[in-house]
């Protein structure tokens, strides 16, 4: 990937990491080097809602959760960073659910 994605205070970066068992999402302000919001399939409030941590339904729940937290903090636009992964499957499910919940990217 040649292009470097950077998040600012006005438009932070939504970074998504997917492992074989879990999925993680973070809202990052790269200018101040701060992680503003996190959500993952390992957190206790999300673990109680899910059956398995490695499916698209879990990714949808995490996308809704991180979007709700962003809106609570006044963040409505983000830069989507999928890392080196394809926009497919669990990453796509998380992104679409975040968009449906009110975040634009």
PDB file of N, CA and C in Angstrom:
ATOM      1  N   UNK A   1       0.845  -1.172   0.000  1.00  0.00           N
ATOM      2  CA  UNK A   1       0.000   0.000   0.000  1.00  0.00           C
ATOM      3  C   UNK A   1       0.892   1.237   0.000  1.00  0.00           C
ATOM      4  N   UNK A   2       0.803   2.026  -1.030  1.00  0.00           N
ATOM      5  CA  UNK A   2       1.633   3.214  -1.142  1.00  0.00           C
ATOM      6  C   UNK A   2       1.044   4.401  -0.413  1.00  0.00           C
ATOM      7  N   UNK A   3      -0.261   4.494  -0.401  1.00  0.00           N
ATOM      8  CA  UNK A   3      -0.925   5.644   0.200  1.00  0.00           C
ATOM      9  C   UNK A   3      -0.983   5.480   1.720  1.00  0.00           C
ATOM     10  N   UNK A   4      -0.604   6.505   2.434  1.00  0.00           N
ATOM     11  CA  UNK A   4      -0.661   6.482   3.896  1.00  0.00           C
ATOM     12  C   UNK A   4      -1.909   7.210   4.361  1.00  0.00           C
ATOM     13  N   UNK A   5      -2.720   6.544   5.122  1.00  0.00           N
ATOM     14  CA  UNK A   5      -3.936   7.159   5.652  1.00  0.00           C
ATOM     15  C   UNK A   5      -3.602   7.846   6.968  1.00  0.00           C
ATOM     16  N   UNK A   6      -4.097   9.057   7.152  1.00  0.00           N
ATOM     17  CA  UNK A   6      -3.864   9.820   8.370  1.00  0.00           C
ATOM     18  C   UNK A   6      -5.194  10.337   8.880  1.00  0.00           C
ATOM     19  N   UNK A   7      -5.387  10.232  10.172  1.00  0.00           N
ATOM     20  CA  UNK A   7      -6.582  10.768  10.794  1.00  0.00           C
ATOM     21  C   UNK A   7      -6.284  12.087  11.476  1.00  0.00           C
ATOM     22  N   UNK A   8      -7.225  13.019  11.427  1.00  0.00           N
ATOM     23  CA  UNK A   8      -7.057  14.313  12.071  1.00  0.00           C
ATOM     24  C   UNK A   8      -8.078  14.439  13.195  1.00  0.00           C
ATOM     25  N   UNK A   9      -8.057  15.562  13.878  1.00  0.00           N
ATOM     26  CA  UNK A   9      -9.021  15.781  14.950  1.00  0.00           C
ATOM     27  C   UNK A   9     -10.432  15.904  14.395  1.00  0.00           C
ATOM     28  N   UNK A  10     -10.567  16.529  13.216  1.00  0.00           N
ATOM     29  CA  UNK A  10     -11.887  16.693  12.611  1.00  0.00           C
ATOM     30  C   UNK A  10     -12.386  15.395  11.977  1.00  0.00           C
ATOM     31  N   UNK A  11     -11.459  14.618  11.430  1.00  0.00           N
ATOM     32  CA  UNK A  11     -11.817  13.378  10.740  1.00  0.00           C
ATOM     33  C   UNK A  11     -10.815  12.280  11.131  1.00  0.00           C
ATOM     34  N   UNK A  12     -11.039  11.619  12.274  1.00  0.00           N
ATOM     35  CA  UNK A  12     -10.093  10.599  12.727  1.00  0.00           C
ATOM     36  C   UNK A  12     -10.158   9.339  11.858  1.00  0.00           C
ATOM     37  N   UNK A  13      -9.224   8.445  12.095  1.00  0.00           N
ATOM     38  CA  UNK A  13      -9.092   7.225  11.311  1.00  0.00           C
ATOM     39  C   UNK A  13      -9.783   6.067  12.028  1.00  0.00           C
ATOM     40  N   UNK A  14     -10.619   5.331  11.301  1.00  0.00           N
ATOM     41  CA  UNK A  14     -11.245   4.113  11.813  1.00  0.00           C
ATOM     42  C   UNK A  14     -10.405   2.949  11.321  1.00  0.00           C
ATOM     43  N   UNK A  15      -9.599   2.373  12.222  1.00  0.00           N
ATOM     44  CA  UNK A  15      -8.717   1.263  11.873  1.00  0.00           C
ATOM     45  C   UNK A  15      -9.375  -0.046  12.273  1.00  0.00           C
ATOM     46  N   UNK A  16      -9.399  -0.989  11.350  1.00  0.00           N
ATOM     47  CA  UNK A  16     -10.013  -2.291  11.592  1.00  0.00           C
ATOM     48  C   UNK A  16      -8.934  -3.357  11.472  1.00  0.00           C
ATOM     49  N   UNK A  17      -8.812  -4.198  12.508  1.00  0.00           N
ATOM     50  CA  UNK A  17      -7.894  -5.328  12.482  1.00  0.00           C
ATOM     51  C   UNK A  17      -8.693  -6.603  12.673  1.00  0.00           C
ATOM     52  N   UNK A  18      -8.423  -7.579  11.817  1.00  0.00           N
ATOM     53  CA  UNK A  18      -9.127  -8.858  11.882  1.00  0.00           C
ATOM     54  C   UNK A  18      -8.104  -9.965  12.065  1.00  0.00           C
ATOM     55  N   UNK A  19      -8.289 -10.750  13.105  1.00  0.00           N
ATOM     56  CA  UNK A  19      -7.491 -11.962  13.271  1.00  0.00           C
ATOM     57  C   UNK A  19      -8.390 -13.144  12.944  1.00  0.00           C
ATOM     58  N   UNK A  20      -7.882 -14.342  13.098  1.00  0.00           N
ATOM     59  CA  UNK A  20      -8.700 -15.517  12.802  1.00  0.00           C
ATOM     60  C   UNK A  20      -9.853 -15.678  13.786  1.00  0.00           C
ATOM     61  N   UNK A  21      -9.658 -15.231  15.031  1.00  0.00           N
ATOM     62  CA  UNK A  21     -10.681 -15.425  16.059  1.00  0.00           C
ATOM     63  C   UNK A  21     -11.467 -14.172  16.413  1.00  0.00           C
ATOM     64  N   UNK A  22     -10.884 -12.996  16.257  1.00  0.00           N
ATOM     65  CA  UNK A  22     -11.512 -11.766  16.748  1.00  0.00           C
ATOM     66  C   UNK A  22     -11.413 -10.650  15.718  1.00  0.00           C
ATOM     67  N   UNK A  23     -12.151  -9.578  15.980  1.00  0.00           N
ATOM     68  CA  UNK A  23     -12.081  -8.369  15.165  1.00  0.00           C
ATOM     69  C   UNK A  23     -12.039  -7.161  16.102  1.00  0.00           C
ATOM     70  N   UNK A  24     -11.216  -6.194  15.746  1.00  0.00           N
ATOM     71  CA  UNK A  24     -10.979  -5.026  16.579  1.00  0.00           C
ATOM     72  C   UNK A  24     -11.182  -3.771  15.734  1.00  0.00           C
ATOM     73  N   UNK A  25     -11.738  -2.720  16.315  1.00  0.00           N
ATOM     74  CA  UNK A  25     -11.899  -1.438  15.642  1.00  0.00           C
ATOM     75  C   UNK A  25     -11.455  -0.333  16.592  1.00  0.00           C
ATOM     76  N   UNK A  26     -10.721   0.636  16.049  1.00  0.00           N
ATOM     77  CA  UNK A  26     -10.229   1.759  16.839  1.00  0.00           C
ATOM     78  C   UNK A  26     -10.447   3.053  16.080  1.00  0.00           C
ATOM     79  N   UNK A  27     -10.772   4.106  16.796  1.00  0.00           N
ATOM     80  CA  UNK A  27     -10.822   5.458  16.246  1.00  0.00           C
ATOM     81  C   UNK A  27      -9.554   6.162  16.719  1.00  0.00           C
ATOM     82  N   UNK A  28      -8.721   6.608  15.768  1.00  0.00           N
ATOM     83  CA  UNK A  28      -7.396   7.130  16.091  1.00  0.00           C
ATOM     84  C   UNK A  28      -7.237   8.537  15.529  1.00  0.00           C
ATOM     85  N   UNK A  29      -6.730   9.455  16.347  1.00  0.00           N
ATOM     86  CA  UNK A  29      -6.321  10.786  15.916  1.00  0.00           C
ATOM     87  C   UNK A  29      -4.810  10.748  15.738  1.00  0.00           C
ATOM     88  N   UNK A  30      -4.347  10.700  14.491  1.00  0.00           N
ATOM     89  CA  UNK A  30      -2.917  10.558  14.225  1.00  0.00           C
ATOM     90  C   UNK A  30      -2.127  11.824  14.499  1.00  0.00           C
ATOM     91  N   UNK A  31      -2.764  12.977  14.465  1.00  0.00           N
ATOM     92  CA  UNK A  31      -2.058  14.226  14.728  1.00  0.00           C
ATOM     93  C   UNK A  31      -1.597  14.264  16.187  1.00  0.00           C
ATOM     94  N   UNK A  32      -2.477  13.887  17.107  1.00  0.00           N
ATOM     95  CA  UNK A  32      -2.136  13.867  18.535  1.00  0.00           C
ATOM     96  C   UNK A  32      -1.642  12.505  18.997  1.00  0.00           C
ATOM     97  N   UNK A  33      -1.619  11.504  18.120  1.00  0.00           N
ATOM     98  CA  UNK A  33      -1.205  10.122  18.442  1.00  0.00           C
ATOM     99  C   UNK A  33      -2.022   9.568  19.598  1.00  0.00           C
ATOM    100  N   UNK A  34      -3.350   9.700  19.493  1.00  0.00           N
ATOM    101  CA  UNK A  34      -4.254   9.242  20.551  1.00  0.00           C
ATOM    102  C   UNK A  34      -5.279   8.282  19.971  1.00  0.00           C
ATOM    103  N   UNK A  35      -5.550   7.223  20.719  1.00  0.00           N
ATOM    104  CA  UNK A  35      -6.664   6.341  20.406  1.00  0.00           C
ATOM    105  C   UNK A  35      -7.874   6.872  21.162  1.00  0.00           C
ATOM    106  N   UNK A  36      -8.905   7.257  20.433  1.00  0.00           N
ATOM    107  CA  UNK A  36     -10.061   7.898  21.041  1.00  0.00           C
ATOM    108  C   UNK A  36     -11.097   6.880  21.515  1.00  0.00           C
ATOM    109  N   UNK A  37     -11.402   5.883  20.690  1.00  0.00           N
ATOM    110  CA  UNK A  37     -12.456   4.917  20.984  1.00  0.00           C
ATOM    111  C   UNK A  37     -11.989   3.538  20.507  1.00  0.00           C
ATOM    112  N   UNK A  38     -12.340   2.513  21.262  1.00  0.00           N
ATOM    113  CA  UNK A  38     -12.058   1.147  20.826  1.00  0.00           C
ATOM    114  C   UNK A  38     -13.298   0.281  21.001  1.00  0.00           C
ATOM    115  N   UNK A  39     -13.381  -0.737  20.180  1.00  0.00           N
ATOM    116  CA  UNK A  39     -14.416  -1.763  20.311  1.00  0.00           C
ATOM    117  C   UNK A  39     -13.833  -3.047  19.742  1.00  0.00           C
ATOM    118  N   UNK A  40     -14.111  -4.164  20.397  1.00  0.00           N
ATOM    119  CA  UNK A  40     -13.592  -5.439  19.903  1.00  0.00           C
ATOM    120  C   UNK A  40     -14.473  -6.585  20.365  1.00  0.00           C
ATOM    121  N   UNK A  41     -14.261  -7.718  19.746  1.00  0.00           N
ATOM    122  CA  UNK A  41     -15.027  -8.906  20.108  1.00  0.00           C
ATOM    123  C   UNK A  41     -14.534  -9.508  21.420  1.00  0.00           C
ATOM    124  N   UNK A  42     -13.476  -8.968  22.000  1.00  0.00           N
ATOM    125  CA  UNK A  42     -12.984  -9.451  23.286  1.00  0.00           C
ATOM    126  C   UNK A  42     -13.500  -8.640  24.470  1.00  0.00           C
ATOM    127  N   UNK A  43     -14.167  -7.509  24.211  1.00  0.00           N
ATOM    128  CA  UNK A  43     -14.665  -6.684  25.310  1.00  0.00           C
ATOM    129  C   UNK A  43     -15.863  -7.362  25.981  1.00  0.00           C
ATOM    130  N   UNK A  44     -16.037  -7.117  27.256  1.00  0.00           N
ATOM    131  CA  UNK A  44     -17.040  -7.840  28.033  1.00  0.00           C
ATOM    132  C   UNK A  44     -18.467  -7.500  27.628  1.00  0.00           C
ATOM    133  N   UNK A  45     -18.748  -6.234  27.282  1.00  0.00           N
ATOM    134  CA  UNK A  45     -20.117  -5.881  26.922  1.00  0.00           C
ATOM    135  C   UNK A  45     -20.527  -6.467  25.573  1.00  0.00           C
ATOM    136  N   UNK A  46     -19.579  -6.681  24.679  1.00  0.00           N
ATOM    137  CA  UNK A  46     -19.904  -7.275  23.384  1.00  0.00           C
ATOM    138  C   UNK A  46     -19.899  -8.799  23.469  1.00  0.00           C
ATOM    139  N   UNK A  47     -19.045  -9.362  24.312  1.00  0.00           N
ATOM    140  CA  UNK A  47     -19.000 -10.825  24.471  1.00  0.00           C
ATOM    141  C   UNK A  47     -20.334 -11.394  24.918  1.00  0.00           C
ATOM    142  N   UNK A  48     -21.071 -10.618  25.717  1.00  0.00           N
ATOM    143  CA  UNK A  48     -22.358 -11.114  26.208  1.00  0.00           C
ATOM    144  C   UNK A  48     -23.420 -11.128  25.115  1.00  0.00           C
ATOM    145  N   UNK A  49     -23.223 -10.392  24.011  1.00  0.00           N
ATOM    146  CA  UNK A  49     -24.206 -10.308  22.936  1.00  0.00           C
ATOM    147  C   UNK A  49     -23.969 -11.303  21.808  1.00  0.00           C
ATOM    148  N   UNK A  50     -22.788 -11.918  21.744  1.00  0.00           N
ATOM    149  CA  UNK A  50     -22.427 -12.719  20.581  1.00  0.00           C
ATOM    150  C   UNK A  50     -22.336 -14.200  20.902  1.00  0.00           C
ATOM    151  N   UNK A  51     -22.535 -15.016  19.876  1.00  0.00           N
ATOM    152  CA  UNK A  51     -22.375 -16.461  19.995  1.00  0.00           C
ATOM    153  C   UNK A  51     -20.930 -16.856  19.682  1.00  0.00           C
ATOM    154  N   UNK A  52     -20.439 -16.411  18.532  1.00  0.00           N
ATOM    155  CA  UNK A  52     -19.083 -16.701  18.082  1.00  0.00           C
ATOM    156  C   UNK A  52     -18.386 -15.381  17.800  1.00  0.00           C
ATOM    157  N   UNK A  53     -17.094 -15.331  18.022  1.00  0.00           N
ATOM    158  CA  UNK A  53     -16.385 -14.063  17.839  1.00  0.00           C
ATOM    159  C   UNK A  53     -15.812 -13.917  16.432  1.00  0.00           C
ATOM    160  N   UNK A  54     -15.986 -14.904  15.571  1.00  0.00           N
ATOM    161  CA  UNK A  54     -15.382 -14.857  14.235  1.00  0.00           C
ATOM    162  C   UNK A  54     -16.426 -15.012  13.143  1.00  0.00           C
ATOM    163  N   UNK A  55     -17.424 -14.117  13.134  1.00  0.00           N
ATOM    164  CA  UNK A  55     -18.398 -14.154  12.044  1.00  0.00           C
ATOM    165  C   UNK A  55     -18.864 -12.737  11.715  1.00  0.00           C
ATOM    166  N   UNK A  56     -19.646 -12.612  10.647  1.00  0.00           N
ATOM    167  CA  UNK A  56     -20.087 -11.300  10.176  1.00  0.00           C
ATOM    168  C   UNK A  56     -21.066 -10.643  11.139  1.00  0.00           C
ATOM    169  N   UNK A  57     -21.853 -11.420  11.846  1.00  0.00           N
ATOM    170  CA  UNK A  57     -22.806 -10.845  12.802  1.00  0.00           C
ATOM    171  C   UNK A  57     -22.069 -10.121  13.929  1.00  0.00           C
ATOM    172  N   UNK A  58     -20.988 -10.693  14.407  1.00  0.00           N
ATOM    173  CA  UNK A  58     -20.168 -10.038  15.427  1.00  0.00           C
ATOM    174  C   UNK A  58     -19.583  -8.737  14.885  1.00  0.00           C
ATOM    175  N   UNK A  59     -19.135  -8.757  13.640  1.00  0.00           N
ATOM    176  CA  UNK A  59     -18.584  -7.553  13.022  1.00  0.00           C
ATOM    177  C   UNK A  59     -19.636  -6.462  12.915  1.00  0.00           C
ATOM    178  N   UNK A  60     -20.868  -6.829  12.613  1.00  0.00           N
ATOM    179  CA  UNK A  60     -21.952  -5.843  12.550  1.00  0.00           C
ATOM    180  C   UNK A  60     -22.189  -5.207  13.920  1.00  0.00           C
ATOM    181  N   UNK A  61     -22.177  -6.008  14.962  1.00  0.00           N
ATOM    182  CA  UNK A  61     -22.383  -5.501  16.325  1.00  0.00           C
ATOM    183  C   UNK A  61     -21.266  -4.532  16.705  1.00  0.00           C
ATOM    184  N   UNK A  62     -20.030  -4.860  16.359  1.00  0.00           N
ATOM    185  CA  UNK A  62     -18.897  -3.994  16.676  1.00  0.00           C
ATOM    186  C   UNK A  62     -18.968  -2.702  15.873  1.00  0.00           C
ATOM    187  N   UNK A  63     -19.386  -2.784  14.603  1.00  0.00           N
ATOM    188  CA  UNK A  63     -19.555  -1.581  13.789  1.00  0.00           C
ATOM    189  C   UNK A  63     -20.597  -0.643  14.368  1.00  0.00           C
ATOM    190  N   UNK A  64     -21.722  -1.197  14.819  1.00  0.00           N
ATOM    191  CA  UNK A  64     -22.762  -0.376  15.447  1.00  0.00           C
ATOM    192  C   UNK A  64     -22.263   0.235  16.748  1.00  0.00           C
ATOM    193  N   UNK A  65     -21.530  -0.553  17.529  1.00  0.00           N
ATOM    194  CA  UNK A  65     -21.023  -0.085  18.816  1.00  0.00           C
ATOM    195  C   UNK A  65     -20.042   1.068  18.646  1.00  0.00           C
ATOM    196  N   UNK A  66     -19.116   0.934  17.712  1.00  0.00           N
ATOM    197  CA  UNK A  66     -18.118   1.995  17.539  1.00  0.00           C
ATOM    198  C   UNK A  66     -18.752   3.233  16.929  1.00  0.00           C
ATOM    199  N   UNK A  67     -19.745   3.054  16.066  1.00  0.00           N
ATOM    200  CA  UNK A  67     -20.439   4.210  15.483  1.00  0.00           C
ATOM    201  C   UNK A  67     -21.238   4.955  16.546  1.00  0.00           C
ATOM    202  N   UNK A  68     -21.884   4.215  17.433  1.00  0.00           N
ATOM    203  CA  UNK A  68     -22.645   4.845  18.511  1.00  0.00           C
ATOM    204  C   UNK A  68     -21.719   5.634  19.437  1.00  0.00           C
ATOM    205  N   UNK A  69     -20.557   5.077  19.742  1.00  0.00           N
ATOM    206  CA  UNK A  69     -19.583   5.780  20.588  1.00  0.00           C
ATOM    207  C   UNK A  69     -19.048   7.024  19.900  1.00  0.00           C
ATOM    208  N   UNK A  70     -18.841   6.948  18.583  1.00  0.00           N
ATOM    209  CA  UNK A  70     -18.369   8.115  17.829  1.00  0.00           C
ATOM    210  C   UNK A  70     -19.395   9.233  17.856  1.00  0.00           C
ATOM    211  N   UNK A  71     -20.638   8.892  17.632  1.00  0.00           N
ATOM    212  CA  UNK A  71     -21.690   9.902  17.612  1.00  0.00           C
ATOM    213  C   UNK A  71     -21.845  10.536  18.989  1.00  0.00           C
ATOM    214  N   UNK A  72     -21.683   9.741  20.054  1.00  0.00           N
ATOM    215  CA  UNK A  72     -21.739  10.286  21.407  1.00  0.00           C
ATOM    216  C   UNK A  72     -20.634  11.317  21.646  1.00  0.00           C
ATOM    217  N   UNK A  73     -19.483  11.135  21.003  1.00  0.00           N
ATOM    218  CA  UNK A  73     -18.366  12.076  21.160  1.00  0.00           C
ATOM    219  C   UNK A  73     -18.354  13.155  20.089  1.00  0.00           C
ATOM    220  N   UNK A  74     -19.346  13.174  19.200  1.00  0.00           N
ATOM    221  CA  UNK A  74     -19.441  14.218  18.190  1.00  0.00           C
ATOM    222  C   UNK A  74     -18.636  13.963  16.941  1.00  0.00           C
ATOM    223  N   UNK A  75     -18.275  12.719  16.678  1.00  0.00           N
ATOM    224  CA  UNK A  75     -17.520  12.359  15.478  1.00  0.00           C
ATOM    225  C   UNK A  75     -18.501  11.773  14.474  1.00  0.00           C
ATOM    226  N   UNK A  76     -18.618  12.417  13.309  1.00  0.00           N
ATOM    227  CA  UNK A  76     -19.557  11.953  12.291  1.00  0.00           C
ATOM    228  C   UNK A  76     -18.871  11.516  11.006  1.00  0.00           C
ATOM    229  N   UNK A  77     -17.616  11.913  10.810  1.00  0.00           N
ATOM    230  CA  UNK A  77     -16.866  11.521   9.623  1.00  0.00           C
ATOM    231  C   UNK A  77     -15.539  10.926  10.046  1.00  0.00           C
ATOM    232  N   UNK A  78     -15.166   9.829   9.405  1.00  0.00           N
ATOM    233  CA  UNK A  78     -13.900   9.165   9.681  1.00  0.00           C
ATOM    234  C   UNK A  78     -13.229   8.789   8.359  1.00  0.00           C
ATOM    235  N   UNK A  79     -11.958   8.437   8.443  1.00  0.00           N
ATOM    236  CA  UNK A  79     -11.212   7.865   7.331  1.00  0.00           C
ATOM    237  C   UNK A  79     -11.136   6.373   7.613  1.00  0.00           C
ATOM    238  N   UNK A  80     -11.600   5.547   6.679  1.00  0.00           N
ATOM    239  CA  UNK A  80     -11.634   4.098   6.899  1.00  0.00           C
ATOM    240  C   UNK A  80     -10.299   3.473   6.509  1.00  0.00           C
ATOM    241  N   UNK A  81      -9.690   2.765   7.455  1.00  0.00           N
ATOM    242  CA  UNK A  81      -8.399   2.107   7.245  1.00  0.00           C
ATOM    243  C   UNK A  81      -8.588   0.615   7.494  1.00  0.00           C
ATOM    244  N   UNK A  82      -8.543  -0.168   6.432  1.00  0.00           N
ATOM    245  CA  UNK A  82      -8.735  -1.607   6.546  1.00  0.00           C
ATOM    246  C   UNK A  82      -7.411  -2.352   6.621  1.00  0.00           C
ATOM    247  N   UNK A  83      -6.315  -1.617   6.726  1.00  0.00           N
ATOM    248  CA  UNK A  83      -5.003  -2.241   6.772  1.00  0.00           C
ATOM    249  C   UNK A  83      -4.663  -2.808   5.408  1.00  0.00           C
ATOM    250  N   UNK A  84      -4.148  -3.998   5.373  1.00  0.00           N
ATOM    251  CA  UNK A  84      -3.778  -4.643   4.118  1.00  0.00           C
ATOM    252  C   UNK A  84      -4.810  -5.694   3.713  1.00  0.00           C
ATOM    253  N   UNK A  85      -5.989  -5.627   4.276  1.00  0.00           N
ATOM    254  CA  UNK A  85      -7.036  -6.623   4.028  1.00  0.00           C
ATOM    255  C   UNK A  85      -7.982  -6.173   2.925  1.00  0.00           C
ATOM    256  N   UNK A  86      -8.621  -7.136   2.297  1.00  0.00           N
ATOM    257  CA  UNK A  86      -9.622  -6.840   1.287  1.00  0.00           C
ATOM    258  C   UNK A  86     -10.899  -6.324   1.942  1.00  0.00           C
ATOM    259  N   UNK A  87     -11.629  -5.491   1.210  1.00  0.00           N
ATOM    260  CA  UNK A  87     -12.929  -5.008   1.676  1.00  0.00           C
ATOM    261  C   UNK A  87     -13.939  -6.112   1.364  1.00  0.00           C
ATOM    262  N   UNK A  88     -14.003  -7.093   2.268  1.00  0.00           N
ATOM    263  CA  UNK A  88     -14.801  -8.284   2.011  1.00  0.00           C
ATOM    264  C   UNK A  88     -15.094  -8.960   3.345  1.00  0.00           C
ATOM    265  N   UNK A  89     -16.213  -9.628   3.430  1.00  0.00           N
ATOM    266  CA  UNK A  89     -16.523 -10.446   4.597  1.00  0.00           C
ATOM    267  C   UNK A  89     -16.737  -9.642   5.858  1.00  0.00           C
ATOM    268  N   UNK A  90     -15.972  -9.971   6.898  1.00  0.00           N
ATOM    269  CA  UNK A  90     -16.160  -9.341   8.207  1.00  0.00           C
ATOM    270  C   UNK A  90     -15.819  -7.860   8.206  1.00  0.00           C
ATOM    271  N   UNK A  91     -14.808  -7.457   7.426  1.00  0.00           N
ATOM    272  CA  UNK A  91     -14.449  -6.043   7.359  1.00  0.00           C
ATOM    273  C   UNK A  91     -15.552  -5.256   6.670  1.00  0.00           C
ATOM    274  N   UNK A  92     -16.113  -5.806   5.611  1.00  0.00           N
ATOM    275  CA  UNK A  92     -17.209  -5.155   4.905  1.00  0.00           C
ATOM    276  C   UNK A  92     -18.442  -5.053   5.800  1.00  0.00           C
ATOM    277  N   UNK A  93     -18.736  -6.096   6.571  1.00  0.00           N
ATOM    278  CA  UNK A  93     -19.894  -6.084   7.473  1.00  0.00           C
ATOM    279  C   UNK A  93     -19.741  -4.998   8.534  1.00  0.00           C
ATOM    280  N   UNK A  94     -18.543  -4.854   9.094  1.00  0.00           N
ATOM    281  CA  UNK A  94     -18.294  -3.816  10.098  1.00  0.00           C
ATOM    282  C   UNK A  94     -18.459  -2.431   9.480  1.00  0.00           C
ATOM    283  N   UNK A  95     -17.918  -2.215   8.293  1.00  0.00           N
ATOM    284  CA  UNK A  95     -17.995  -0.909   7.646  1.00  0.00           C
ATOM    285  C   UNK A  95     -19.438  -0.539   7.309  1.00  0.00           C
ATOM    286  N   UNK A  96     -20.197  -1.478   6.773  1.00  0.00           N
ATOM    287  CA  UNK A  96     -21.580  -1.186   6.397  1.00  0.00           C
ATOM    288  C   UNK A  96     -22.452  -0.905   7.614  1.00  0.00           C
ATOM    289  N   UNK A  97     -22.237  -1.626   8.701  1.00  0.00           N
ATOM    290  CA  UNK A  97     -23.040  -1.375   9.895  1.00  0.00           C
ATOM    291  C   UNK A  97     -22.678  -0.032  10.531  1.00  0.00           C
ATOM    292  N   UNK A  98     -21.411   0.376  10.451  1.00  0.00           N
ATOM    293  CA  UNK A  98     -21.009   1.697  10.955  1.00  0.00           C
ATOM    294  C   UNK A  98     -21.649   2.802  10.119  1.00  0.00           C
ATOM    295  N   UNK A  99     -21.719   2.592   8.811  1.00  0.00           N
ATOM    296  CA  UNK A  99     -22.371   3.577   7.934  1.00  0.00           C
ATOM    297  C   UNK A  99     -23.862   3.669   8.240  1.00  0.00           C
ATOM    298  N   UNK A 100     -24.501   2.532   8.429  1.00  0.00           N
ATOM    299  CA  UNK A 100     -25.938   2.519   8.731  1.00  0.00           C
ATOM    300  C   UNK A 100     -26.254   3.196  10.063  1.00  0.00           C
ATOM    301  N   UNK A 101     -25.278   3.137  10.991  1.00  0.00           N
ATOM    302  CA  UNK A 101     -25.489   3.740  12.306  1.00  0.00           C
ATOM    303  C   UNK A 101     -25.210   5.239  12.311  1.00  0.00           C
ATOM    304  N   UNK A 102     -24.716   5.793  11.204  1.00  0.00           N
ATOM    305  CA  UNK A 102     -24.594   7.245  11.127  1.00  0.00           C
ATOM    306  C   UNK A 102     -23.212   7.800  10.875  1.00  0.00           C
ATOM    307  N   UNK A 103     -22.196   6.972  10.689  1.00  0.00           N
ATOM    308  CA  UNK A 103     -20.844   7.436  10.423  1.00  0.00           C
ATOM    309  C   UNK A 103     -20.644   7.464   8.908  1.00  0.00           C
ATOM    310  N   UNK A 104     -20.022   8.511   8.398  1.00  0.00           N
ATOM    311  CA  UNK A 104     -19.768   8.580   6.965  1.00  0.00           C
ATOM    312  C   UNK A 104     -18.283   8.495   6.682  1.00  0.00           C
ATOM    313  N   UNK A 105     -17.961   7.719   5.657  1.00  0.00           N
ATOM    314  CA  UNK A 105     -16.592   7.609   5.134  1.00  0.00           C
ATOM    315  C   UNK A 105     -16.632   7.122   3.717  1.00  0.00           C
TER     316      UNK A 105
END
